[in-house]
């Protein structure tokens, strides 16, 4: 499916650039972290490297599923930082609280984007019982 392929490339670019930004502007990510997290610089580097690796990995058919699972787990792992920001504000960023709270569901949208882009689940039968697409190993290799 062409839209899935385009989505996958956009997702890869998004995560690769976000990962690179962890190293270019670490203060953005460090300011989001709850104070109880240890070794924050190391955690920032690990999450940045994981985003880069995941972005590259979803482009390679052999690593696509593992990379997607890794990115989904990363989205779950960084969620406490987003909760921290929603509750306490984001130092250095002048954003109203409602925007910080509205950011929370974005993690679910990112996870849905990952799932769609790599085709983890087959599409359901559409109108009149016609299957619009079935996920097979061939469609995962797109």
C-alpha atoms as a PDB file:
ATOM      1  CA  UNK A   1       0.000   0.000   0.000  1.00  0.00           C
ATOM      2  CA  UNK A   2       1.510   3.292  -1.110  1.00  0.00           C
ATOM      3  CA  UNK A   3       0.179   5.339   1.829  1.00  0.00           C
ATOM      4  CA  UNK A   4       1.763   2.880   4.287  1.00  0.00           C
ATOM      5  CA  UNK A   5       5.101   3.135   2.508  1.00  0.00           C
ATOM      6  CA  UNK A   6       5.003   6.947   2.505  1.00  0.00           C
ATOM      7  CA  UNK A   7       3.959   6.918   6.148  1.00  0.00           C
ATOM      8  CA  UNK A   8       6.862   4.604   6.998  1.00  0.00           C
ATOM      9  CA  UNK A   9       9.392   6.926   5.357  1.00  0.00           C
ATOM     10  CA  UNK A  10       7.940   9.980   7.109  1.00  0.00           C
ATOM     11  CA  UNK A  11       7.983   8.113  10.416  1.00  0.00           C
ATOM     12  CA  UNK A  12      11.613   7.131   9.871  1.00  0.00           C
ATOM     13  CA  UNK A  13      12.627  10.710   9.083  1.00  0.00           C
ATOM     14  CA  UNK A  14      10.701  11.976  12.124  1.00  0.00           C
ATOM     15  CA  UNK A  15      12.412   9.574  14.536  1.00  0.00           C
ATOM     16  CA  UNK A  16      15.874   9.954  13.013  1.00  0.00           C
ATOM     17  CA  UNK A  17      15.684  13.769  13.220  1.00  0.00           C
ATOM     18  CA  UNK A  18      14.210  13.650  16.743  1.00  0.00           C
ATOM     19  CA  UNK A  19      17.003  11.297  17.782  1.00  0.00           C
ATOM     20  CA  UNK A  20      19.681  13.553  16.316  1.00  0.00           C
ATOM     21  CA  UNK A  21      18.115  16.485  18.166  1.00  0.00           C
ATOM     22  CA  UNK A  22      18.762  14.689  21.481  1.00  0.00           C
ATOM     23  CA  UNK A  23      22.464  15.227  20.791  1.00  0.00           C
ATOM     24  CA  UNK A  24      22.202  18.713  19.243  1.00  0.00           C
ATOM     25  CA  UNK A  25      19.871  20.194  21.881  1.00  0.00           C
ATOM     26  CA  UNK A  26      19.972  17.899  24.917  1.00  0.00           C
ATOM     27  CA  UNK A  27      18.733  20.675  27.217  1.00  0.00           C
ATOM     28  CA  UNK A  28      15.255  20.427  25.644  1.00  0.00           C
ATOM     29  CA  UNK A  29      14.948  16.790  26.696  1.00  0.00           C
ATOM     30  CA  UNK A  30      16.823  17.074  29.983  1.00  0.00           C
ATOM     31  CA  UNK A  31      14.444  19.826  31.121  1.00  0.00           C
ATOM     32  CA  UNK A  32      11.513  17.453  30.636  1.00  0.00           C
ATOM     33  CA  UNK A  33      12.893  14.694  32.834  1.00  0.00           C
ATOM     34  CA  UNK A  34      11.539  14.155  36.323  1.00  0.00           C
ATOM     35  CA  UNK A  35      14.207  14.907  38.950  1.00  0.00           C
ATOM     36  CA  UNK A  36      13.978  11.378  40.375  1.00  0.00           C
ATOM     37  CA  UNK A  37      15.435   9.849  37.185  1.00  0.00           C
ATOM     38  CA  UNK A  38      19.127   8.983  37.599  1.00  0.00           C
ATOM     39  CA  UNK A  39      21.847   9.575  34.990  1.00  0.00           C
ATOM     40  CA  UNK A  40      19.699  11.937  32.955  1.00  0.00           C
ATOM     41  CA  UNK A  41      22.398  12.721  30.382  1.00  0.00           C
ATOM     42  CA  UNK A  42      22.871   9.004  29.756  1.00  0.00           C
ATOM     43  CA  UNK A  43      19.110   8.429  29.499  1.00  0.00           C
ATOM     44  CA  UNK A  44      18.881  11.273  26.979  1.00  0.00           C
ATOM     45  CA  UNK A  45      21.665   9.759  24.879  1.00  0.00           C
ATOM     46  CA  UNK A  46      20.094   6.296  25.052  1.00  0.00           C
ATOM     47  CA  UNK A  47      16.676   7.581  24.000  1.00  0.00           C
ATOM     48  CA  UNK A  48      18.199   9.627  21.175  1.00  0.00           C
ATOM     49  CA  UNK A  49      20.189   6.640  19.925  1.00  0.00           C
ATOM     50  CA  UNK A  50      17.083   4.442  20.217  1.00  0.00           C
ATOM     51  CA  UNK A  51      15.072   6.895  18.108  1.00  0.00           C
ATOM     52  CA  UNK A  52      17.769   6.960  15.423  1.00  0.00           C
ATOM     53  CA  UNK A  53      18.133   3.165  15.434  1.00  0.00           C
ATOM     54  CA  UNK A  54      14.359   2.686  15.379  1.00  0.00           C
ATOM     55  CA  UNK A  55      13.941   5.144  12.528  1.00  0.00           C
ATOM     56  CA  UNK A  56      16.557   3.332  10.475  1.00  0.00           C
ATOM     57  CA  UNK A  57      15.304  -0.083  11.569  1.00  0.00           C
ATOM     58  CA  UNK A  58      11.750   0.392  10.318  1.00  0.00           C
ATOM     59  CA  UNK A  59      13.133   0.945   6.823  1.00  0.00           C
ATOM     60  CA  UNK A  60      14.860  -2.444   6.752  1.00  0.00           C
ATOM     61  CA  UNK A  61      12.437  -5.341   6.184  1.00  0.00           C
ATOM     62  CA  UNK A  62      14.428  -7.776   8.329  1.00  0.00           C
ATOM     63  CA  UNK A  63      14.479  -5.410  11.348  1.00  0.00           C
ATOM     64  CA  UNK A  64      11.176  -3.609  10.797  1.00  0.00           C
ATOM     65  CA  UNK A  65       9.044  -5.413  13.368  1.00  0.00           C
ATOM     66  CA  UNK A  66      11.722  -5.376  16.089  1.00  0.00           C
ATOM     67  CA  UNK A  67      12.375  -1.670  15.439  1.00  0.00           C
ATOM     68  CA  UNK A  68       8.664  -0.902  15.650  1.00  0.00           C
ATOM     69  CA  UNK A  69       8.346  -2.775  18.941  1.00  0.00           C
ATOM     70  CA  UNK A  70      11.379  -0.895  20.243  1.00  0.00           C
ATOM     71  CA  UNK A  71       9.894   2.468  19.238  1.00  0.00           C
ATOM     72  CA  UNK A  72       6.579   1.575  20.869  1.00  0.00           C
ATOM     73  CA  UNK A  73       8.382   0.613  24.085  1.00  0.00           C
ATOM     74  CA  UNK A  74      10.327   3.880  23.897  1.00  0.00           C
ATOM     75  CA  UNK A  75       7.064   5.849  23.601  1.00  0.00           C
ATOM     76  CA  UNK A  76       5.859   4.097  26.754  1.00  0.00           C
ATOM     77  CA  UNK A  77       9.178   4.651  28.558  1.00  0.00           C
ATOM     78  CA  UNK A  78       9.239   8.402  27.938  1.00  0.00           C
ATOM     79  CA  UNK A  79       5.620   8.904  28.960  1.00  0.00           C
ATOM     80  CA  UNK A  80       6.533   9.705  32.610  1.00  0.00           C
ATOM     81  CA  UNK A  81       8.538  12.697  31.357  1.00  0.00           C
ATOM     82  CA  UNK A  82       5.480  13.956  29.474  1.00  0.00           C
ATOM     83  CA  UNK A  83       3.342  13.536  32.595  1.00  0.00           C
ATOM     84  CA  UNK A  84       5.995  15.400  34.605  1.00  0.00           C
ATOM     85  CA  UNK A  85       5.913  18.279  32.127  1.00  0.00           C
ATOM     86  CA  UNK A  86       2.101  18.377  32.098  1.00  0.00           C
ATOM     87  CA  UNK A  87       2.015  18.547  35.903  1.00  0.00           C
ATOM     88  CA  UNK A  88       4.989  20.846  36.552  1.00  0.00           C
ATOM     89  CA  UNK A  89       5.517  22.858  33.383  1.00  0.00           C
ATOM     90  CA  UNK A  90       8.345  22.649  30.889  1.00  0.00           C
ATOM     91  CA  UNK A  91      11.355  24.723  31.966  1.00  0.00           C
ATOM     92  CA  UNK A  92      12.548  26.987  29.183  1.00  0.00           C
ATOM     93  CA  UNK A  93       9.337  26.615  27.195  1.00  0.00           C
ATOM     94  CA  UNK A  94       6.572  29.181  27.436  1.00  0.00           C
ATOM     95  CA  UNK A  95       3.547  26.939  26.893  1.00  0.00           C
ATOM     96  CA  UNK A  96       0.139  27.106  28.530  1.00  0.00           C
ATOM     97  CA  UNK A  97      -0.694  24.139  30.751  1.00  0.00           C
ATOM     98  CA  UNK A  98      -3.539  23.043  28.466  1.00  0.00           C
ATOM     99  CA  UNK A  99      -1.045  22.490  25.641  1.00  0.00           C
ATOM    100  CA  UNK A 100       1.213  20.464  27.914  1.00  0.00           C
ATOM    101  CA  UNK A 101      -1.772  18.328  28.928  1.00  0.00           C
ATOM    102  CA  UNK A 102      -2.951  18.045  25.319  1.00  0.00           C
ATOM    103  CA  UNK A 103       0.487  16.614  24.411  1.00  0.00           C
ATOM    104  CA  UNK A 104      -0.150  13.492  26.509  1.00  0.00           C
ATOM    105  CA  UNK A 105      -2.362  11.666  23.971  1.00  0.00           C
ATOM    106  CA  UNK A 106       0.284  12.266  21.288  1.00  0.00           C
ATOM    107  CA  UNK A 107       2.145   9.210  22.568  1.00  0.00           C
ATOM    108  CA  UNK A 108      -0.865   7.086  21.567  1.00  0.00           C
ATOM    109  CA  UNK A 109      -0.933   8.732  18.142  1.00  0.00           C
ATOM    110  CA  UNK A 110       2.776   8.005  17.676  1.00  0.00           C
ATOM    111  CA  UNK A 111       2.180   4.375  18.629  1.00  0.00           C
ATOM    112  CA  UNK A 112      -0.742   4.168  16.176  1.00  0.00           C
ATOM    113  CA  UNK A 113       1.469   5.731  13.479  1.00  0.00           C
ATOM    114  CA  UNK A 114       4.151   3.110  14.112  1.00  0.00           C
ATOM    115  CA  UNK A 115       1.625   0.265  13.989  1.00  0.00           C
ATOM    116  CA  UNK A 116       0.054   1.557  10.779  1.00  0.00           C
ATOM    117  CA  UNK A 117       3.359   2.310   9.071  1.00  0.00           C
ATOM    118  CA  UNK A 118       4.806  -1.137   9.430  1.00  0.00           C
ATOM    119  CA  UNK A 119       1.544  -3.041   9.031  1.00  0.00           C
ATOM    120  CA  UNK A 120       1.615  -5.045  12.255  1.00  0.00           C
ATOM    121  CA  UNK A 121      -2.102  -5.771  12.045  1.00  0.00           C
ATOM    122  CA  UNK A 122      -4.030  -6.794   8.928  1.00  0.00           C
ATOM    123  CA  UNK A 123      -6.713  -4.433   7.774  1.00  0.00           C
ATOM    124  CA  UNK A 124     -10.222  -5.559   8.541  1.00  0.00           C
ATOM    125  CA  UNK A 125     -12.828  -6.394   5.937  1.00  0.00           C
ATOM    126  CA  UNK A 126     -14.435  -3.307   4.532  1.00  0.00           C
ATOM    127  CA  UNK A 127     -17.802  -2.624   2.978  1.00  0.00           C
ATOM    128  CA  UNK A 128     -19.454  -5.726   1.474  1.00  0.00           C
ATOM    129  CA  UNK A 129     -16.874  -7.954   3.164  1.00  0.00           C
ATOM    130  CA  UNK A 130     -14.045  -7.082   0.775  1.00  0.00           C
ATOM    131  CA  UNK A 131     -10.615  -7.064   2.326  1.00  0.00           C
ATOM    132  CA  UNK A 132      -8.822  -3.874   1.415  1.00  0.00           C
ATOM    133  CA  UNK A 133      -5.434  -5.277   2.372  1.00  0.00           C
ATOM    134  CA  UNK A 134      -4.119  -8.315   4.121  1.00  0.00           C
ATOM    135  CA  UNK A 135      -0.829  -8.110   5.919  1.00  0.00           C
ATOM    136  CA  UNK A 136       1.506 -10.776   4.680  1.00  0.00           C
ATOM    137  CA  UNK A 137       5.215 -11.135   4.850  1.00  0.00           C
ATOM    138  CA  UNK A 138       5.314  -9.667   1.335  1.00  0.00           C
ATOM    139  CA  UNK A 139       3.441  -6.502   2.370  1.00  0.00           C
ATOM    140  CA  UNK A 140       5.739  -6.057   5.371  1.00  0.00           C
ATOM    141  CA  UNK A 141       8.721  -6.002   2.992  1.00  0.00           C
ATOM    142  CA  UNK A 142       7.453  -2.905   1.150  1.00  0.00           C
END
